[in-house]
Structure formats: structure tokens, C-alpha cells
Amino acid sequence: MPHPCWKDDEKQIDRLGPGAVQSGQTGQNIAQLAGEKIMLEKKHWPLQDAKNKFSSLVEQARHDGPQIVTKHGKEAVVVLSVDDYRKLVRPKTGLAQFFQNSPRADEKIDLTRSKEFSRDIEL
């Protein structure tokens, strides 16, 4: 029986065929038994496992995509790579496209710079 924290083990076990897996074997043991390199993605991490195996959690997030940490069986937070984060927060359009799509794009705006000297300021 696969470790309860591994959500994708059933799919990988089916690929290995009947009798390939015995009770108590981890995902890595299963992959080694099959004689092939199988990347088992651990997508859900109980909070205690995430704390104990934080380095593994970070590596999984960097290489396999976002990882979900659960607290008391409920999804609590997501750990994701910086690249994935930047994709989420990146504006969908560039600044020029933003201004072109503005509701006031048709209005004439005077963008010429004043030739006057700047005002004096006391410091």
C-alpha cells in the first residue's frame, strides 16, 4: 500500500504491473523496483511533513510545480517556484498595450514639454 501522502502513487503502481509492490514500500522504492526512473510528484504535504522535509518540498516546487501544504487535512498554503510566482503576478499586457486599451485612448493629450525654467525652491 502506498504512503497516504502520495497522491499519484496509484497511477505509477498500475504502470509497474501486478505483484510489483509490497506493503510499506515508498514511491522511491517502487520506482527502483521497476528498474526505470519514475518521478513521483508529491503535490499535497501535511504541515508536519512540510516542516520536516522543507528542502524536499522546495525542490519539488521548483521542478514539479506548485505544492500544497495542508493543515488538519484542509489545504492551507501553496509553495511555488519564483518562476511560477512571477508568471502569476506579471501583467498580462505591457505598458504601451495598457495605454492603447485605455477608455481615454482617443483623447488628445498634450505631451509637449514646457520650455520655461523650473521654479525656485528654498531648502
C-alpha atoms as a PDB file:
ATOM      1  CA  MET A   1       0.000   0.000   0.000  1.00  0.00           C
ATOM      2  CA  PRO A   2       1.485   3.390  -0.965  1.00  0.00           C
ATOM      3  CA  HIS A   3       2.221   6.103   1.563  1.00  0.00           C
ATOM      4  CA  PRO A   4      -1.006   8.071   2.159  1.00  0.00           C
ATOM      5  CA  CYS A   5       0.686  11.390   1.348  1.00  0.00           C
ATOM      6  CA  TRP A   6       1.486  10.359  -2.225  1.00  0.00           C
ATOM      7  CA  LYS A   7      -1.478  11.213  -4.427  1.00  0.00           C
ATOM      8  CA  ASP A   8      -0.060   9.888  -7.717  1.00  0.00           C
ATOM      9  CA  ASP A   9       1.246   6.515  -6.485  1.00  0.00           C
ATOM     10  CA  GLU A  10      -1.770   4.584  -7.753  1.00  0.00           C
ATOM     11  CA  LYS A  11      -1.109   5.691 -11.332  1.00  0.00           C
ATOM     12  CA  GLN A  12       2.566   4.772 -11.090  1.00  0.00           C
ATOM     13  CA  ILE A  13       1.865   1.415  -9.401  1.00  0.00           C
ATOM     14  CA  ASP A  14      -0.532   0.466 -12.197  1.00  0.00           C
ATOM     15  CA  ARG A  15       2.302   1.028 -14.710  1.00  0.00           C
ATOM     16  CA  LEU A  16       4.537  -1.401 -12.826  1.00  0.00           C
ATOM     17  CA  GLY A  17       2.167  -4.314 -13.073  1.00  0.00           C
ATOM     18  CA  PRO A  18       0.651  -6.728 -10.525  1.00  0.00           C
ATOM     19  CA  GLY A  19       2.829  -8.020  -7.711  1.00  0.00           C
ATOM     20  CA  ALA A  20       5.468  -5.314  -8.145  1.00  0.00           C
ATOM     21  CA  VAL A  21       4.568  -3.520  -4.946  1.00  0.00           C
ATOM     22  CA  GLN A  22       4.517  -4.798  -1.401  1.00  0.00           C
ATOM     23  CA  SER A  23       3.094  -3.180   1.689  1.00  0.00           C
ATOM     24  CA  GLY A  24       5.266  -0.476   3.258  1.00  0.00           C
ATOM     25  CA  GLN A  25       7.190   0.493   0.148  1.00  0.00           C
ATOM     26  CA  THR A  26       7.684   4.161  -0.633  1.00  0.00           C
ATOM     27  CA  GLY A  27       7.396   5.797  -4.033  1.00  0.00           C
ATOM     28  CA  GLN A  28      11.178   5.726  -4.478  1.00  0.00           C
ATOM     29  CA  ASN A  29      11.307   2.005  -3.662  1.00  0.00           C
ATOM     30  CA  ILE A  30       8.580   1.370  -6.217  1.00  0.00           C
ATOM     31  CA  ALA A  31      10.462   3.259  -8.923  1.00  0.00           C
ATOM     32  CA  GLN A  32      13.650   1.324  -8.140  1.00  0.00           C
ATOM     33  CA  LEU A  33      11.774  -1.990  -8.294  1.00  0.00           C
ATOM     34  CA  ALA A  34      10.520  -1.152 -11.763  1.00  0.00           C
ATOM     35  CA  GLY A  35      14.066  -0.566 -12.992  1.00  0.00           C
ATOM     36  CA  GLU A  36      13.043   2.731 -14.519  1.00  0.00           C
ATOM     37  CA  LYS A  37      13.326   6.331 -13.429  1.00  0.00           C
ATOM     38  CA  ILE A  38       9.874   7.498 -12.423  1.00  0.00           C
ATOM     39  CA  MET A  39       9.299  10.931 -10.982  1.00  0.00           C
ATOM     40  CA  LEU A  40       6.535  10.655  -8.429  1.00  0.00           C
ATOM     41  CA  GLU A  41       5.124  14.081  -7.743  1.00  0.00           C
ATOM     42  CA  LYS A  42       4.076  14.742  -4.200  1.00  0.00           C
ATOM     43  CA  LYS A  43       1.533  17.527  -4.555  1.00  0.00           C
ATOM     44  CA  HIS A  44      -0.046  17.548  -1.071  1.00  0.00           C
ATOM     45  CA  TRP A  45       2.054  17.826   2.077  1.00  0.00           C
ATOM     46  CA  PRO A  46       0.690  17.639   5.607  1.00  0.00           C
ATOM     47  CA  LEU A  47       2.116  20.565   7.586  1.00  0.00           C
ATOM     48  CA  GLN A  48       4.344  18.361   9.758  1.00  0.00           C
ATOM     49  CA  ASP A  49       5.836  16.643   6.686  1.00  0.00           C
ATOM     50  CA  ALA A  50       6.367  20.025   5.031  1.00  0.00           C
ATOM     51  CA  LYS A  51       8.253  21.245   8.099  1.00  0.00           C
ATOM     52  CA  ASN A  52      10.329  18.086   8.417  1.00  0.00           C
ATOM     53  CA  LYS A  53      11.144  17.869   4.704  1.00  0.00           C
ATOM     54  CA  PHE A  54      11.201  21.527   3.737  1.00  0.00           C
ATOM     55  CA  SER A  55      14.191  21.144   1.397  1.00  0.00           C
ATOM     56  CA  SER A  56      12.383  18.376  -0.484  1.00  0.00           C
ATOM     57  CA  LEU A  57       9.231  20.486  -0.607  1.00  0.00           C
ATOM     58  CA  VAL A  58      11.162  23.396  -2.128  1.00  0.00           C
ATOM     59  CA  GLU A  59      12.865  21.152  -4.709  1.00  0.00           C
ATOM     60  CA  GLN A  60       9.527  19.614  -5.683  1.00  0.00           C
ATOM     61  CA  ALA A  61       8.044  23.091  -6.108  1.00  0.00           C
ATOM     62  CA  ARG A  62      10.990  24.198  -8.249  1.00  0.00           C
ATOM     63  CA  HIS A  63      10.953  21.156 -10.524  1.00  0.00           C
ATOM     64  CA  ASP A  64       7.422  19.726 -10.474  1.00  0.00           C
ATOM     65  CA  GLY A  65       5.199  22.733  -9.954  1.00  0.00           C
ATOM     66  CA  PRO A  66       3.192  24.146  -7.060  1.00  0.00           C
ATOM     67  CA  GLN A  67       2.962  22.068  -3.877  1.00  0.00           C
ATOM     68  CA  ILE A  68       0.002  22.309  -1.500  1.00  0.00           C
ATOM     69  CA  VAL A  69       0.526  22.218   2.266  1.00  0.00           C
ATOM     70  CA  THR A  70      -2.434  21.022   4.317  1.00  0.00           C
ATOM     71  CA  LYS A  71      -3.256  21.799   7.917  1.00  0.00           C
ATOM     72  CA  HIS A  72      -5.676  19.489   9.724  1.00  0.00           C
ATOM     73  CA  GLY A  73      -6.489  17.890   6.368  1.00  0.00           C
ATOM     74  CA  LYS A  74      -7.503  21.165   4.711  1.00  0.00           C
ATOM     75  CA  GLU A  75      -5.489  22.954   2.034  1.00  0.00           C
ATOM     76  CA  ALA A  76      -3.730  25.868   3.738  1.00  0.00           C
ATOM     77  CA  VAL A  77      -0.961  27.289   1.534  1.00  0.00           C
ATOM     78  CA  VAL A  78       0.791  26.730  -1.768  1.00  0.00           C
ATOM     79  CA  VAL A  79       4.568  26.635  -2.212  1.00  0.00           C
ATOM     80  CA  LEU A  80       5.673  27.527  -5.721  1.00  0.00           C
ATOM     81  CA  SER A  81       8.855  28.421  -7.545  1.00  0.00           C
ATOM     82  CA  VAL A  82       9.862  32.027  -8.135  1.00  0.00           C
ATOM     83  CA  ASP A  83       9.358  31.483 -11.884  1.00  0.00           C
ATOM     84  CA  ASP A  84       5.782  30.292 -11.311  1.00  0.00           C
ATOM     85  CA  TYR A  85       5.145  33.222  -8.951  1.00  0.00           C
ATOM     86  CA  ARG A  86       6.451  35.741 -11.487  1.00  0.00           C
ATOM     87  CA  LYS A  87       4.156  34.258 -14.141  1.00  0.00           C
ATOM     88  CA  LEU A  88       1.209  34.809 -11.810  1.00  0.00           C
ATOM     89  CA  VAL A  89       1.985  38.424 -10.927  1.00  0.00           C
ATOM     90  CA  ARG A  90       3.272  39.536 -14.321  1.00  0.00           C
ATOM     91  CA  PRO A  91       0.931  41.981 -16.016  1.00  0.00           C
ATOM     92  CA  LYS A  92      -0.981  40.389 -18.872  1.00  0.00           C
ATOM     93  CA  THR A  93      -0.139  43.305 -21.154  1.00  0.00           C
ATOM     94  CA  GLY A  94       2.768  45.716 -21.455  1.00  0.00           C
ATOM     95  CA  LEU A  95       2.539  49.390 -20.532  1.00  0.00           C
ATOM     96  CA  ALA A  96       2.061  50.520 -24.153  1.00  0.00           C
ATOM     97  CA  GLN A  97      -0.750  47.993 -24.660  1.00  0.00           C
ATOM     98  CA  PHE A  98      -2.327  49.110 -21.389  1.00  0.00           C
ATOM     99  CA  PHE A  99      -2.482  52.736 -22.574  1.00  0.00           C
ATOM    100  CA  GLN A 100      -3.765  51.714 -26.012  1.00  0.00           C
ATOM    101  CA  ASN A 101      -6.615  49.798 -24.374  1.00  0.00           C
ATOM    102  CA  SER A 102      -7.492  52.716 -22.085  1.00  0.00           C
ATOM    103  CA  PRO A 103     -11.042  54.083 -22.391  1.00  0.00           C
ATOM    104  CA  ARG A 104      -9.440  57.504 -22.924  1.00  0.00           C
ATOM    105  CA  ALA A 105      -7.057  56.346 -25.652  1.00  0.00           C
ATOM    106  CA  ASP A 106      -8.848  58.514 -28.247  1.00  0.00           C
ATOM    107  CA  GLU A 107      -8.463  61.729 -26.250  1.00  0.00           C
ATOM    108  CA  LYS A 108      -5.782  64.170 -27.334  1.00  0.00           C
ATOM    109  CA  ILE A 109      -3.222  64.722 -24.583  1.00  0.00           C
ATOM    110  CA  ASP A 110      -0.611  67.454 -24.837  1.00  0.00           C
ATOM    111  CA  LEU A 111       2.709  65.713 -24.182  1.00  0.00           C
ATOM    112  CA  THR A 112       4.983  68.602 -25.163  1.00  0.00           C
ATOM    113  CA  ARG A 113       7.423  69.728 -22.525  1.00  0.00           C
ATOM    114  CA  SER A 114       7.319  73.271 -21.213  1.00  0.00           C
ATOM    115  CA  LYS A 115      10.287  75.421 -22.232  1.00  0.00           C
ATOM    116  CA  GLU A 116      10.054  77.539 -19.058  1.00  0.00           C
ATOM    117  CA  PHE A 117      12.656  77.309 -16.328  1.00  0.00           C
ATOM    118  CA  SER A 118      11.759  75.418 -13.198  1.00  0.00           C
ATOM    119  CA  ARG A 119      10.628  77.379 -10.175  1.00  0.00           C
ATOM    120  CA  ASP A 120      12.985  78.306  -7.359  1.00  0.00           C
ATOM    121  CA  ILE A 121      12.672  76.280  -4.159  1.00  0.00           C
ATOM    122  CA  GLU A 122      14.003  77.260  -0.746  1.00  0.00           C
ATOM    123  CA  LEU A 123      15.617  74.399   1.167  1.00  0.00           C
END
